[in-house]
Amino acid sequence: MSVIQLIGNGFAKVLTPMGIFLMFIGVAVGIVFGALPGLSATMAIALFLPVTYAMASGDAMTLLMSLFIGAISGGLISAILLRIPGTPSSVATCFDGHPMVRKGQAAKALGIGVVFSFLGTIFSTLLLMFIAPEIARMAVNFGNFEFFSIAIFSLTMIATLSSGNMVKGVMAGVLGFVFSTIGTDAIEGTARFTFGQTGLKSGFDMLAVMVGLFAFGKLSVQPKQVVTRKKS
C-alpha cells in the first residue's frame, strides 16, 4: 500500500462526525492544559488515555492527537499574557508576545499566535507525513559526530537568542547545564549531585524548571513595578 493510500485511509477514519466532535473536545481541553503553567500535553494525554481504551483506534488517536496539539498551542496564552510559558515550546513566544501586551496589544498578540500556530500545525503535519520515514532512517545512523554537532547548534542558539544581553544568556546557559547534571546518569546509571535525596534521582523536569524560573522572574519584578506606579 502506497503512502497516498495510507494517508487517504487515515483521513477517512478521522473525518467522521464522531472524529470531528472528538477533535473539538480534544483541542478545547488541550488548550486549557497548555494555558495553565505546570500542566502539559503529556499530562493531558496521560489523564485521557484510560478514556480511549473502549474507543476505536481511529477515534482514540484523533482524541490524543487533538489533546497534544491543543496543549502545545495553548501554551502561548500564558506566555503572552503572563510571560510564563505554559509549555517548553512557548518560551520564545514570551520574548515577542509579552512586549505587545505591555503596549496594549494583547488581543493582536493572541490572534497572531493562534493563527500562526494553526498554520504551523498544518504545514508541519503535511511535512511529517511525507518525510518522517527519511528522518527516521537518518536518526538511526546518528553517531558521535552528529550528536556533537547538535550540541554545538544548541550553544549557537543560546548566542542568537541572547544577542541583546550576552551575559544573561551565558548565565542562563550555565544554569541549564547545572540543572541537567543532577539526577541519574543515562550511561553509567550512577546518581549525580543528589546529596542522598531520592527525589533528585530522576533529575529536574524541564517544564517545571522553565516555568519556575520565568514565574520567579516575573513575580520578582511585579512588586517593584507596583511600588513605582504608586510613587509616581
N, C-alpha and C. Protein backbone atom coordinates (compact mmCIF):
# COMPACT_ATOMS: atom_id res chain seq x y z
N MET A 1 0.85 -1.20 0.00
CA MET A 1 0.00 0.00 0.00
C MET A 1 0.88 1.24 0.00
N SER A 2 0.59 2.19 -0.89
CA SER A 2 1.41 3.38 -1.02
C SER A 2 1.12 4.36 0.12
N VAL A 3 1.99 5.39 0.20
CA VAL A 3 1.83 6.41 1.23
C VAL A 3 0.53 7.18 1.03
N ILE A 4 0.18 7.45 -0.23
CA ILE A 4 -1.05 8.20 -0.51
C ILE A 4 -2.27 7.43 -0.05
N GLN A 5 -2.28 6.11 -0.26
CA GLN A 5 -3.40 5.30 0.18
C GLN A 5 -3.50 5.25 1.71
N LEU A 6 -2.36 5.18 2.38
CA LEU A 6 -2.36 5.18 3.85
C LEU A 6 -2.91 6.50 4.39
N ILE A 7 -2.50 7.62 3.77
CA ILE A 7 -2.99 8.93 4.20
C ILE A 7 -4.49 9.04 3.96
N GLY A 8 -4.95 8.53 2.79
CA GLY A 8 -6.38 8.57 2.48
C GLY A 8 -7.20 7.76 3.47
N ASN A 9 -6.69 6.57 3.84
CA ASN A 9 -7.40 5.76 4.82
C ASN A 9 -7.44 6.44 6.19
N GLY A 10 -6.35 7.14 6.53
CA GLY A 10 -6.32 7.85 7.81
C GLY A 10 -7.34 8.98 7.86
N PHE A 11 -7.43 9.75 6.78
CA PHE A 11 -8.41 10.84 6.73
C PHE A 11 -9.84 10.29 6.73
N ALA A 12 -10.05 9.15 6.10
CA ALA A 12 -11.39 8.55 6.08
C ALA A 12 -11.84 8.14 7.48
N LYS A 13 -10.90 7.71 8.33
CA LYS A 13 -11.25 7.34 9.70
C LYS A 13 -11.45 8.56 10.60
N VAL A 14 -10.75 9.66 10.28
CA VAL A 14 -10.81 10.85 11.14
C VAL A 14 -11.99 11.74 10.79
N LEU A 15 -12.24 11.96 9.51
CA LEU A 15 -13.27 12.90 9.07
C LEU A 15 -14.65 12.26 9.11
N THR A 16 -15.04 11.90 10.30
CA THR A 16 -16.39 11.38 10.57
C THR A 16 -17.03 12.29 11.61
N PRO A 17 -18.36 12.24 11.77
CA PRO A 17 -18.98 13.10 12.81
C PRO A 17 -18.37 12.89 14.19
N MET A 18 -18.11 11.64 14.58
CA MET A 18 -17.51 11.38 15.88
C MET A 18 -16.07 11.89 15.93
N GLY A 19 -15.34 11.71 14.84
CA GLY A 19 -13.96 12.19 14.80
C GLY A 19 -13.87 13.69 14.92
N ILE A 20 -14.74 14.41 14.20
CA ILE A 20 -14.73 15.88 14.28
C ILE A 20 -15.13 16.34 15.68
N PHE A 21 -16.09 15.66 16.29
CA PHE A 21 -16.50 16.01 17.66
C PHE A 21 -15.35 15.81 18.64
N LEU A 22 -14.64 14.69 18.50
CA LEU A 22 -13.50 14.42 19.38
C LEU A 22 -12.38 15.42 19.15
N MET A 23 -12.21 15.88 17.92
CA MET A 23 -11.20 16.90 17.66
C MET A 23 -11.52 18.19 18.39
N PHE A 24 -12.77 18.63 18.35
CA PHE A 24 -13.16 19.85 19.05
C PHE A 24 -12.96 19.70 20.56
N ILE A 25 -13.37 18.56 21.11
CA ILE A 25 -13.21 18.33 22.54
C ILE A 25 -11.74 18.28 22.92
N GLY A 26 -10.96 17.55 22.14
CA GLY A 26 -9.54 17.40 22.45
C GLY A 26 -8.78 18.71 22.39
N VAL A 27 -9.04 19.51 21.35
CA VAL A 27 -8.35 20.79 21.23
C VAL A 27 -8.75 21.74 22.36
N ALA A 28 -10.04 21.78 22.69
CA ALA A 28 -10.51 22.67 23.75
C ALA A 28 -9.90 22.31 25.10
N VAL A 29 -9.92 21.03 25.43
CA VAL A 29 -9.33 20.59 26.71
C VAL A 29 -7.81 20.77 26.69
N GLY A 30 -7.19 20.49 25.55
CA GLY A 30 -5.75 20.66 25.44
C GLY A 30 -5.31 22.10 25.62
N ILE A 31 -6.08 23.04 25.11
CA ILE A 31 -5.74 24.46 25.29
C ILE A 31 -5.76 24.83 26.76
N VAL A 32 -6.72 24.30 27.50
CA VAL A 32 -6.77 24.56 28.95
C VAL A 32 -5.53 24.02 29.63
N PHE A 33 -5.13 22.79 29.29
CA PHE A 33 -3.93 22.21 29.90
C PHE A 33 -2.69 23.00 29.52
N GLY A 34 -2.61 23.47 28.28
CA GLY A 34 -1.43 24.21 27.86
C GLY A 34 -1.37 25.60 28.43
N ALA A 35 -2.53 26.23 28.64
CA ALA A 35 -2.56 27.61 29.14
C ALA A 35 -2.24 27.70 30.62
N LEU A 36 -2.42 26.61 31.37
CA LEU A 36 -2.14 26.62 32.81
C LEU A 36 -0.69 26.19 33.04
N PRO A 37 0.17 27.09 33.50
CA PRO A 37 1.57 26.70 33.76
C PRO A 37 1.65 25.57 34.78
N GLY A 38 2.47 24.59 34.46
CA GLY A 38 2.61 23.43 35.32
C GLY A 38 1.94 22.20 34.74
N LEU A 39 0.86 22.40 34.01
CA LEU A 39 0.24 21.30 33.27
C LEU A 39 0.90 21.21 31.90
N SER A 40 0.74 20.11 31.23
CA SER A 40 1.45 19.92 29.97
C SER A 40 0.65 19.00 29.06
N ALA A 41 1.13 18.90 27.81
CA ALA A 41 0.49 18.00 26.86
C ALA A 41 0.64 16.55 27.30
N THR A 42 1.78 16.22 27.88
CA THR A 42 1.99 14.85 28.35
C THR A 42 1.00 14.48 29.44
N MET A 43 0.75 15.42 30.36
CA MET A 43 -0.20 15.16 31.43
C MET A 43 -1.61 15.00 30.88
N ALA A 44 -1.97 15.81 29.90
CA ALA A 44 -3.30 15.70 29.30
C ALA A 44 -3.50 14.34 28.65
N ILE A 45 -2.49 13.88 27.92
CA ILE A 45 -2.59 12.57 27.27
C ILE A 45 -2.64 11.45 28.31
N ALA A 46 -1.84 11.58 29.38
CA ALA A 46 -1.83 10.55 30.41
C ALA A 46 -3.18 10.45 31.12
N LEU A 47 -3.82 11.60 31.36
CA LEU A 47 -5.11 11.58 32.05
C LEU A 47 -6.24 11.04 31.18
N PHE A 48 -6.17 11.30 29.88
CA PHE A 48 -7.24 10.88 28.98
C PHE A 48 -6.98 9.53 28.34
N LEU A 49 -5.81 8.96 28.58
CA LEU A 49 -5.50 7.66 27.97
C LEU A 49 -6.49 6.57 28.38
N PRO A 50 -6.88 6.47 29.67
CA PRO A 50 -7.88 5.42 30.02
C PRO A 50 -9.21 5.60 29.30
N VAL A 51 -9.56 6.85 28.93
CA VAL A 51 -10.83 7.09 28.24
C VAL A 51 -10.84 6.43 26.87
N THR A 52 -9.65 6.30 26.26
CA THR A 52 -9.57 5.79 24.89
C THR A 52 -9.57 4.27 24.82
N TYR A 53 -9.55 3.57 25.96
CA TYR A 53 -9.46 2.11 25.92
C TYR A 53 -10.67 1.48 25.22
N ALA A 54 -11.84 2.07 25.40
CA ALA A 54 -13.06 1.50 24.81
C ALA A 54 -13.37 2.07 23.43
N MET A 55 -12.52 2.95 22.92
CA MET A 55 -12.76 3.58 21.62
C MET A 55 -12.14 2.77 20.50
N ALA A 56 -12.59 3.06 19.29
CA ALA A 56 -11.93 2.52 18.11
C ALA A 56 -10.56 3.19 17.95
N SER A 57 -9.67 2.53 17.25
CA SER A 57 -8.30 3.04 17.14
C SER A 57 -8.24 4.42 16.50
N GLY A 58 -9.07 4.64 15.45
CA GLY A 58 -9.07 5.95 14.80
C GLY A 58 -9.56 7.06 15.71
N ASP A 59 -10.65 6.80 16.45
CA ASP A 59 -11.17 7.81 17.37
C ASP A 59 -10.21 8.07 18.52
N ALA A 60 -9.56 7.04 19.01
CA ALA A 60 -8.61 7.21 20.11
C ALA A 60 -7.43 8.06 19.69
N MET A 61 -6.87 7.80 18.52
CA MET A 61 -5.74 8.58 18.04
C MET A 61 -6.16 10.02 17.74
N THR A 62 -7.38 10.20 17.25
CA THR A 62 -7.87 11.55 16.99
C THR A 62 -7.94 12.36 18.27
N LEU A 63 -8.47 11.77 19.33
CA LEU A 63 -8.58 12.48 20.60
C LEU A 63 -7.21 12.79 21.18
N LEU A 64 -6.31 11.84 21.19
CA LEU A 64 -4.99 12.05 21.79
C LEU A 64 -4.18 13.08 21.00
N MET A 65 -4.25 13.01 19.68
CA MET A 65 -3.52 14.00 18.87
C MET A 65 -4.11 15.39 19.05
N SER A 66 -5.42 15.49 19.16
CA SER A 66 -6.06 16.79 19.37
C SER A 66 -5.67 17.37 20.72
N LEU A 67 -5.60 16.52 21.74
CA LEU A 67 -5.15 16.96 23.06
C LEU A 67 -3.72 17.51 22.99
N PHE A 68 -2.86 16.78 22.31
CA PHE A 68 -1.46 17.20 22.22
C PHE A 68 -1.32 18.54 21.48
N ILE A 69 -1.98 18.64 20.33
CA ILE A 69 -1.88 19.87 19.53
C ILE A 69 -2.49 21.05 20.28
N GLY A 70 -3.65 20.84 20.92
CA GLY A 70 -4.27 21.91 21.68
C GLY A 70 -3.42 22.36 22.85
N ALA A 71 -2.78 21.42 23.54
CA ALA A 71 -1.94 21.78 24.69
C ALA A 71 -0.70 22.54 24.26
N ILE A 72 -0.07 22.10 23.19
CA ILE A 72 1.13 22.80 22.71
C ILE A 72 0.77 24.21 22.26
N SER A 73 -0.36 24.37 21.58
CA SER A 73 -0.78 25.70 21.13
C SER A 73 -1.26 26.56 22.30
N GLY A 74 -1.91 25.95 23.30
CA GLY A 74 -2.42 26.72 24.42
C GLY A 74 -1.35 27.32 25.29
N GLY A 75 -0.13 26.83 25.21
CA GLY A 75 0.96 27.39 25.99
C GLY A 75 1.27 28.84 25.67
N LEU A 76 0.86 29.29 24.47
CA LEU A 76 1.14 30.68 24.09
C LEU A 76 0.27 31.67 24.87
N ILE A 77 -0.85 31.23 25.43
CA ILE A 77 -1.75 32.16 26.14
C ILE A 77 -1.07 32.71 27.38
N SER A 78 -0.58 31.83 28.24
CA SER A 78 0.11 32.30 29.44
C SER A 78 1.45 32.93 29.10
N ALA A 79 2.09 32.47 28.02
CA ALA A 79 3.37 33.06 27.62
C ALA A 79 3.19 34.52 27.19
N ILE A 80 2.10 34.80 26.50
CA ILE A 80 1.85 36.16 26.03
C ILE A 80 1.32 37.04 27.15
N LEU A 81 0.34 36.56 27.89
CA LEU A 81 -0.33 37.41 28.89
C LEU A 81 0.47 37.55 30.18
N LEU A 82 1.13 36.47 30.62
CA LEU A 82 1.81 36.48 31.91
C LEU A 82 3.32 36.41 31.82
N ARG A 83 3.84 36.19 30.61
CA ARG A 83 5.28 35.94 30.39
C ARG A 83 5.75 34.70 31.15
N ILE A 84 4.85 33.73 31.29
CA ILE A 84 5.17 32.44 31.90
C ILE A 84 4.79 31.37 30.88
N PRO A 85 5.74 30.67 30.28
CA PRO A 85 5.40 29.69 29.24
C PRO A 85 4.60 28.52 29.79
N GLY A 86 3.47 28.24 29.17
CA GLY A 86 2.68 27.09 29.59
C GLY A 86 3.31 25.78 29.19
N THR A 87 4.07 25.77 28.09
CA THR A 87 4.78 24.60 27.61
C THR A 87 6.19 25.03 27.21
N PRO A 88 7.16 24.10 27.17
CA PRO A 88 8.51 24.49 26.77
C PRO A 88 8.59 25.12 25.39
N SER A 89 7.70 24.72 24.48
CA SER A 89 7.74 25.28 23.13
C SER A 89 7.28 26.73 23.07
N SER A 90 6.72 27.25 24.16
CA SER A 90 6.21 28.62 24.17
C SER A 90 7.19 29.62 24.76
N VAL A 91 8.43 29.19 25.01
CA VAL A 91 9.39 30.09 25.64
C VAL A 91 9.69 31.29 24.74
N ALA A 92 9.94 31.03 23.46
CA ALA A 92 10.26 32.13 22.56
C ALA A 92 9.09 33.09 22.39
N THR A 93 7.85 32.61 22.60
CA THR A 93 6.68 33.48 22.49
C THR A 93 6.70 34.56 23.57
N CYS A 94 7.32 34.27 24.72
CA CYS A 94 7.41 35.28 25.78
C CYS A 94 8.16 36.51 25.31
N PHE A 95 9.20 36.29 24.49
CA PHE A 95 10.03 37.40 24.07
C PHE A 95 9.33 38.33 23.08
N ASP A 96 8.42 37.77 22.28
CA ASP A 96 7.73 38.57 21.27
C ASP A 96 6.33 38.99 21.69
N GLY A 97 5.61 38.08 22.35
CA GLY A 97 4.21 38.34 22.67
C GLY A 97 3.99 39.25 23.85
N HIS A 98 4.75 39.05 24.93
CA HIS A 98 4.52 39.85 26.14
C HIS A 98 4.82 41.33 25.94
N PRO A 99 5.88 41.72 25.18
CA PRO A 99 6.07 43.15 24.92
C PRO A 99 4.87 43.80 24.22
N MET A 100 4.16 43.04 23.37
CA MET A 100 2.97 43.58 22.73
C MET A 100 1.85 43.80 23.75
N VAL A 101 1.76 42.90 24.75
CA VAL A 101 0.76 43.08 25.81
C VAL A 101 1.04 44.36 26.59
N ARG A 102 2.29 44.63 26.88
CA ARG A 102 2.66 45.83 27.63
C ARG A 102 2.37 47.11 26.84
N LYS A 103 2.25 46.96 25.51
CA LYS A 103 1.89 48.10 24.67
C LYS A 103 0.39 48.20 24.45
N GLY A 104 -0.39 47.33 25.10
CA GLY A 104 -1.83 47.36 24.95
C GLY A 104 -2.33 46.61 23.73
N GLN A 105 -1.54 45.67 23.21
CA GLN A 105 -1.91 44.92 22.01
C GLN A 105 -2.08 43.43 22.33
N ALA A 106 -2.72 43.16 23.46
CA ALA A 106 -2.88 41.76 23.89
C ALA A 106 -3.73 40.96 22.90
N ALA A 107 -4.84 41.54 22.44
CA ALA A 107 -5.71 40.83 21.50
C ALA A 107 -4.99 40.53 20.19
N LYS A 108 -4.20 41.49 19.73
CA LYS A 108 -3.46 41.29 18.48
C LYS A 108 -2.41 40.20 18.65
N ALA A 109 -1.71 40.19 19.79
CA ALA A 109 -0.68 39.19 20.04
C ALA A 109 -1.29 37.79 20.10
N LEU A 110 -2.42 37.66 20.79
CA LEU A 110 -3.08 36.36 20.88
C LEU A 110 -3.58 35.91 19.51
N GLY A 111 -4.15 36.84 18.74
CA GLY A 111 -4.63 36.49 17.41
C GLY A 111 -3.53 36.00 16.50
N ILE A 112 -2.40 36.72 16.51
CA ILE A 112 -1.27 36.30 15.68
C ILE A 112 -0.75 34.93 16.12
N GLY A 113 -0.67 34.72 17.44
CA GLY A 113 -0.20 33.44 17.94
C GLY A 113 -1.09 32.29 17.54
N VAL A 114 -2.40 32.47 17.65
CA VAL A 114 -3.34 31.40 17.32
C VAL A 114 -3.31 31.09 15.83
N VAL A 115 -3.31 32.13 14.99
CA VAL A 115 -3.33 31.92 13.54
C VAL A 115 -2.08 31.18 13.08
N PHE A 116 -0.92 31.65 13.51
CA PHE A 116 0.31 31.03 13.03
C PHE A 116 0.57 29.69 13.71
N SER A 117 0.00 29.48 14.89
CA SER A 117 0.06 28.14 15.48
C SER A 117 -0.74 27.15 14.64
N PHE A 118 -1.91 27.59 14.15
CA PHE A 118 -2.72 26.74 13.27
C PHE A 118 -2.00 26.45 11.97
N LEU A 119 -1.44 27.49 11.34
CA LEU A 119 -0.74 27.30 10.07
C LEU A 119 0.50 26.42 10.26
N GLY A 120 1.22 26.61 11.36
CA GLY A 120 2.39 25.79 11.62
C GLY A 120 2.03 24.34 11.83
N THR A 121 0.90 24.09 12.50
CA THR A 121 0.46 22.72 12.72
C THR A 121 0.12 22.03 11.39
N ILE A 122 -0.61 22.74 10.53
CA ILE A 122 -0.97 22.15 9.23
C ILE A 122 0.27 21.87 8.39
N PHE A 123 1.17 22.84 8.32
CA PHE A 123 2.38 22.68 7.50
C PHE A 123 3.27 21.56 8.04
N SER A 124 3.49 21.53 9.35
CA SER A 124 4.37 20.51 9.92
C SER A 124 3.76 19.11 9.81
N THR A 125 2.42 19.01 9.93
CA THR A 125 1.78 17.71 9.79
C THR A 125 1.92 17.17 8.37
N LEU A 126 1.68 18.03 7.39
CA LEU A 126 1.84 17.61 6.00
C LEU A 126 3.29 17.22 5.71
N LEU A 127 4.21 18.01 6.24
CA LEU A 127 5.63 17.72 6.01
C LEU A 127 6.02 16.39 6.66
N LEU A 128 5.51 16.16 7.87
CA LEU A 128 5.87 14.96 8.60
C LEU A 128 5.33 13.71 7.91
N MET A 129 4.16 13.81 7.29
CA MET A 129 3.57 12.63 6.64
C MET A 129 4.45 12.11 5.51
N PHE A 130 5.20 13.00 4.87
CA PHE A 130 5.98 12.59 3.70
C PHE A 130 7.45 12.36 4.00
N ILE A 131 8.01 13.04 4.99
CA ILE A 131 9.45 12.93 5.22
C ILE A 131 9.78 12.19 6.51
N ALA A 132 8.77 11.76 7.29
CA ALA A 132 9.05 11.05 8.54
C ALA A 132 9.89 9.79 8.33
N PRO A 133 9.61 8.96 7.31
CA PRO A 133 10.46 7.76 7.13
C PRO A 133 11.92 8.09 6.86
N GLU A 134 12.17 9.14 6.06
CA GLU A 134 13.55 9.52 5.77
C GLU A 134 14.24 10.06 7.02
N ILE A 135 13.52 10.84 7.81
CA ILE A 135 14.10 11.37 9.05
C ILE A 135 14.44 10.23 10.00
N ALA A 136 13.57 9.23 10.08
CA ALA A 136 13.83 8.08 10.95
C ALA A 136 15.09 7.33 10.51
N ARG A 137 15.28 7.17 9.20
CA ARG A 137 16.48 6.48 8.72
C ARG A 137 17.74 7.28 9.06
N MET A 138 17.66 8.60 8.96
CA MET A 138 18.81 9.43 9.31
C MET A 138 19.10 9.36 10.81
N ALA A 139 18.06 9.39 11.63
CA ALA A 139 18.25 9.38 13.08
C ALA A 139 18.89 8.09 13.56
N VAL A 140 18.54 6.97 12.92
CA VAL A 140 19.12 5.68 13.32
C VAL A 140 20.63 5.67 13.09
N ASN A 141 21.08 6.39 12.08
CA ASN A 141 22.51 6.39 11.74
C ASN A 141 23.29 7.47 12.46
N PHE A 142 22.67 8.17 13.40
CA PHE A 142 23.38 9.22 14.14
C PHE A 142 24.51 8.61 14.97
N GLY A 143 25.65 9.27 14.95
CA GLY A 143 26.80 8.84 15.75
C GLY A 143 27.32 9.97 16.61
N ASN A 144 28.57 9.82 17.04
CA ASN A 144 29.16 10.83 17.94
C ASN A 144 29.29 12.19 17.28
N PHE A 145 29.67 12.20 16.02
CA PHE A 145 29.86 13.48 15.33
C PHE A 145 28.54 14.24 15.19
N GLU A 146 27.46 13.51 14.89
CA GLU A 146 26.17 14.16 14.72
C GLU A 146 25.65 14.72 16.06
N PHE A 147 25.80 13.94 17.13
CA PHE A 147 25.36 14.43 18.44
C PHE A 147 26.19 15.63 18.89
N PHE A 148 27.47 15.60 18.58
CA PHE A 148 28.32 16.76 18.91
C PHE A 148 27.87 17.99 18.12
N SER A 149 27.50 17.81 16.87
CA SER A 149 27.03 18.93 16.06
C SER A 149 25.74 19.51 16.61
N ILE A 150 24.84 18.64 17.11
CA ILE A 150 23.59 19.12 17.72
C ILE A 150 23.89 19.94 18.97
N ALA A 151 24.86 19.48 19.77
CA ALA A 151 25.24 20.23 20.97
C ALA A 151 25.79 21.60 20.61
N ILE A 152 26.63 21.66 19.58
CA ILE A 152 27.16 22.95 19.15
C ILE A 152 26.05 23.84 18.63
N PHE A 153 25.10 23.26 17.91
CA PHE A 153 23.98 24.04 17.40
C PHE A 153 23.15 24.63 18.54
N SER A 154 22.95 23.86 19.62
CA SER A 154 22.20 24.39 20.77
C SER A 154 22.92 25.55 21.41
N LEU A 155 24.24 25.50 21.47
CA LEU A 155 25.00 26.62 22.03
C LEU A 155 24.92 27.85 21.14
N THR A 156 24.92 27.65 19.83
CA THR A 156 24.76 28.80 18.94
C THR A 156 23.37 29.42 19.07
N MET A 157 22.36 28.59 19.37
CA MET A 157 21.02 29.13 19.60
C MET A 157 20.99 30.01 20.83
N ILE A 158 21.73 29.64 21.88
CA ILE A 158 21.82 30.48 23.07
C ILE A 158 22.42 31.83 22.70
N ALA A 159 23.48 31.81 21.90
CA ALA A 159 24.11 33.06 21.50
C ALA A 159 23.18 33.91 20.64
N THR A 160 22.39 33.26 19.79
CA THR A 160 21.48 34.02 18.93
C THR A 160 20.36 34.67 19.73
N LEU A 161 19.76 33.92 20.65
CA LEU A 161 18.65 34.46 21.44
C LEU A 161 19.13 35.48 22.47
N SER A 162 20.42 35.45 22.80
CA SER A 162 20.96 36.37 23.81
C SER A 162 21.74 37.51 23.21
N SER A 163 21.46 37.82 21.96
CA SER A 163 22.23 38.88 21.28
C SER A 163 22.08 40.23 21.96
N GLY A 164 20.94 40.47 22.63
CA GLY A 164 20.74 41.75 23.31
C GLY A 164 21.53 41.86 24.60
N ASN A 165 21.69 40.76 25.33
CA ASN A 165 22.43 40.75 26.59
C ASN A 165 23.12 39.40 26.71
N MET A 166 24.38 39.35 26.25
CA MET A 166 25.11 38.08 26.19
C MET A 166 25.41 37.53 27.58
N VAL A 167 25.61 38.42 28.56
CA VAL A 167 25.94 37.96 29.90
C VAL A 167 24.79 37.15 30.49
N LYS A 168 23.57 37.67 30.36
CA LYS A 168 22.41 36.93 30.86
C LYS A 168 22.23 35.62 30.12
N GLY A 169 22.47 35.63 28.84
CA GLY A 169 22.33 34.40 28.06
C GLY A 169 23.31 33.33 28.50
N VAL A 170 24.56 33.73 28.72
CA VAL A 170 25.57 32.77 29.16
C VAL A 170 25.24 32.24 30.55
N MET A 171 24.78 33.14 31.44
CA MET A 171 24.40 32.71 32.79
C MET A 171 23.24 31.72 32.74
N ALA A 172 22.25 31.99 31.87
CA ALA A 172 21.12 31.07 31.74
C ALA A 172 21.56 29.72 31.18
N GLY A 173 22.49 29.75 30.21
CA GLY A 173 23.01 28.51 29.65
C GLY A 173 23.77 27.69 30.68
N VAL A 174 24.61 28.35 31.47
CA VAL A 174 25.35 27.65 32.53
C VAL A 174 24.40 27.07 33.56
N LEU A 175 23.35 27.83 33.90
CA LEU A 175 22.36 27.33 34.85
C LEU A 175 21.65 26.10 34.31
N GLY A 176 21.38 26.10 33.01
CA GLY A 176 20.77 24.91 32.39
C GLY A 176 21.68 23.71 32.45
N PHE A 177 22.98 23.92 32.21
CA PHE A 177 23.94 22.81 32.33
C PHE A 177 23.97 22.26 33.75
N VAL A 178 23.92 23.16 34.74
CA VAL A 178 23.96 22.73 36.14
C VAL A 178 22.74 21.87 36.47
N PHE A 179 21.56 22.32 36.06
CA PHE A 179 20.35 21.54 36.34
C PHE A 179 20.37 20.19 35.63
N SER A 180 20.95 20.15 34.43
CA SER A 180 20.95 18.89 33.68
C SER A 180 21.90 17.85 34.25
N THR A 181 22.88 18.27 35.07
CA THR A 181 23.81 17.30 35.64
C THR A 181 23.23 16.58 36.85
N ILE A 182 22.12 17.09 37.39
CA ILE A 182 21.52 16.48 38.59
C ILE A 182 20.63 15.31 38.17
N GLY A 183 20.80 14.19 38.84
CA GLY A 183 19.98 13.02 38.55
C GLY A 183 20.82 11.80 38.24
N THR A 184 20.19 10.78 37.70
CA THR A 184 20.88 9.53 37.38
C THR A 184 21.51 9.62 36.00
N ASP A 185 22.78 9.26 35.92
CA ASP A 185 23.49 9.30 34.65
C ASP A 185 22.89 8.27 33.69
N ALA A 186 22.59 8.71 32.47
CA ALA A 186 21.93 7.84 31.50
C ALA A 186 22.83 6.73 30.98
N ILE A 187 24.15 6.90 31.07
CA ILE A 187 25.08 5.90 30.52
C ILE A 187 25.56 4.94 31.61
N GLU A 188 26.04 5.48 32.72
CA GLU A 188 26.60 4.63 33.77
C GLU A 188 25.59 4.26 34.85
N GLY A 189 24.46 4.98 34.92
CA GLY A 189 23.44 4.66 35.92
C GLY A 189 23.78 5.09 37.33
N THR A 190 24.75 5.97 37.49
CA THR A 190 25.12 6.44 38.83
C THR A 190 24.40 7.75 39.14
N ALA A 191 24.17 7.98 40.43
CA ALA A 191 23.49 9.21 40.87
C ALA A 191 24.49 10.35 40.93
N ARG A 192 24.09 11.49 40.38
CA ARG A 192 24.97 12.65 40.36
C ARG A 192 24.31 13.82 41.10
N PHE A 193 25.02 14.39 42.08
CA PHE A 193 24.58 15.58 42.81
C PHE A 193 23.18 15.43 43.40
N THR A 194 22.87 14.24 43.87
CA THR A 194 21.56 14.04 44.51
C THR A 194 21.62 14.28 46.02
N PHE A 195 22.84 14.25 46.59
CA PHE A 195 23.04 14.52 48.03
C PHE A 195 22.19 13.59 48.91
N GLY A 196 22.01 12.36 48.44
CA GLY A 196 21.26 11.39 49.22
C GLY A 196 19.75 11.53 49.14
N GLN A 197 19.26 12.45 48.35
CA GLN A 197 17.81 12.67 48.22
C GLN A 197 17.26 11.78 47.10
N THR A 198 16.32 10.92 47.46
CA THR A 198 15.74 10.01 46.46
C THR A 198 14.98 10.77 45.38
N GLY A 199 14.33 11.87 45.75
CA GLY A 199 13.54 12.63 44.78
C GLY A 199 14.36 13.27 43.69
N LEU A 200 15.68 13.44 43.91
CA LEU A 200 16.52 14.06 42.90
C LEU A 200 17.12 13.06 41.92
N LYS A 201 16.88 11.76 42.13
CA LYS A 201 17.47 10.78 41.24
C LYS A 201 16.91 10.86 39.82
N SER A 202 15.69 11.30 39.69
CA SER A 202 15.10 11.44 38.35
C SER A 202 15.43 12.79 37.70
N GLY A 203 16.18 13.63 38.42
CA GLY A 203 16.55 14.93 37.86
C GLY A 203 15.42 15.93 37.94
N PHE A 204 15.61 17.04 37.25
CA PHE A 204 14.60 18.10 37.22
C PHE A 204 13.83 18.02 35.91
N ASP A 205 12.52 18.15 36.01
CA ASP A 205 11.69 18.21 34.81
C ASP A 205 11.88 19.56 34.13
N MET A 206 12.12 19.53 32.82
CA MET A 206 12.42 20.76 32.11
C MET A 206 11.28 21.77 32.19
N LEU A 207 10.05 21.29 32.11
CA LEU A 207 8.91 22.20 32.16
C LEU A 207 8.83 22.88 33.52
N ALA A 208 9.01 22.11 34.60
CA ALA A 208 8.93 22.69 35.94
C ALA A 208 10.02 23.74 36.16
N VAL A 209 11.23 23.46 35.68
CA VAL A 209 12.33 24.42 35.84
C VAL A 209 12.07 25.69 35.06
N MET A 210 11.64 25.55 33.82
CA MET A 210 11.42 26.72 32.97
C MET A 210 10.27 27.58 33.49
N VAL A 211 9.16 26.92 33.86
CA VAL A 211 8.03 27.68 34.38
C VAL A 211 8.41 28.36 35.69
N GLY A 212 9.14 27.63 36.54
CA GLY A 212 9.54 28.22 37.81
C GLY A 212 10.46 29.42 37.65
N LEU A 213 11.44 29.32 36.75
CA LEU A 213 12.36 30.43 36.55
C LEU A 213 11.66 31.64 35.94
N PHE A 214 10.81 31.41 34.95
CA PHE A 214 10.09 32.53 34.35
C PHE A 214 9.11 33.15 35.34
N ALA A 215 8.41 32.31 36.10
CA ALA A 215 7.45 32.84 37.07
C ALA A 215 8.16 33.59 38.18
N PHE A 216 9.31 33.09 38.64
CA PHE A 216 10.05 33.77 39.70
C PHE A 216 10.53 35.14 39.22
N GLY A 217 11.04 35.19 37.98
CA GLY A 217 11.47 36.48 37.45
C GLY A 217 10.33 37.47 37.32
N LYS A 218 9.18 36.97 36.87
CA LYS A 218 8.02 37.85 36.71
C LYS A 218 7.51 38.34 38.05
N LEU A 219 7.43 37.44 39.03
CA LEU A 219 6.92 37.81 40.35
C LEU A 219 7.88 38.72 41.10
N SER A 220 9.18 38.59 40.83
CA SER A 220 10.15 39.46 41.50
C SER A 220 10.14 40.87 40.93
N VAL A 221 9.76 41.01 39.68
CA VAL A 221 9.71 42.33 39.04
C VAL A 221 8.38 43.02 39.30
N GLN A 222 7.29 42.26 39.41
CA GLN A 222 5.96 42.82 39.54
C GLN A 222 5.80 43.74 40.75
N PRO A 223 6.25 43.35 41.98
CA PRO A 223 6.10 44.27 43.11
C PRO A 223 6.84 45.57 42.92
N LYS A 224 8.01 45.55 42.28
CA LYS A 224 8.75 46.78 42.02
C LYS A 224 7.97 47.70 41.10
N GLN A 225 7.30 47.12 40.10
CA GLN A 225 6.51 47.94 39.18
C GLN A 225 5.33 48.57 39.91
N VAL A 226 4.72 47.82 40.83
CA VAL A 226 3.58 48.36 41.58
C VAL A 226 4.02 49.52 42.47
N VAL A 227 5.17 49.35 43.14
CA VAL A 227 5.68 50.41 44.01
C VAL A 227 6.02 51.65 43.19
N THR A 228 6.60 51.46 42.03
CA THR A 228 6.97 52.59 41.16
C THR A 228 5.74 53.36 40.71
N ARG A 229 4.68 52.63 40.38
CA ARG A 229 3.44 53.30 39.94
C ARG A 229 2.81 54.08 41.07
N LYS A 230 2.87 53.54 42.31
CA LYS A 230 2.28 54.25 43.45
C LYS A 230 3.04 55.54 43.74
N LYS A 231 4.38 55.50 43.63
CA LYS A 231 5.17 56.68 43.88
C LYS A 231 4.94 57.76 42.82
N SER A 232 4.76 57.31 41.58
CA SER A 232 4.52 58.28 40.51
C SER A 232 3.13 58.87 40.60
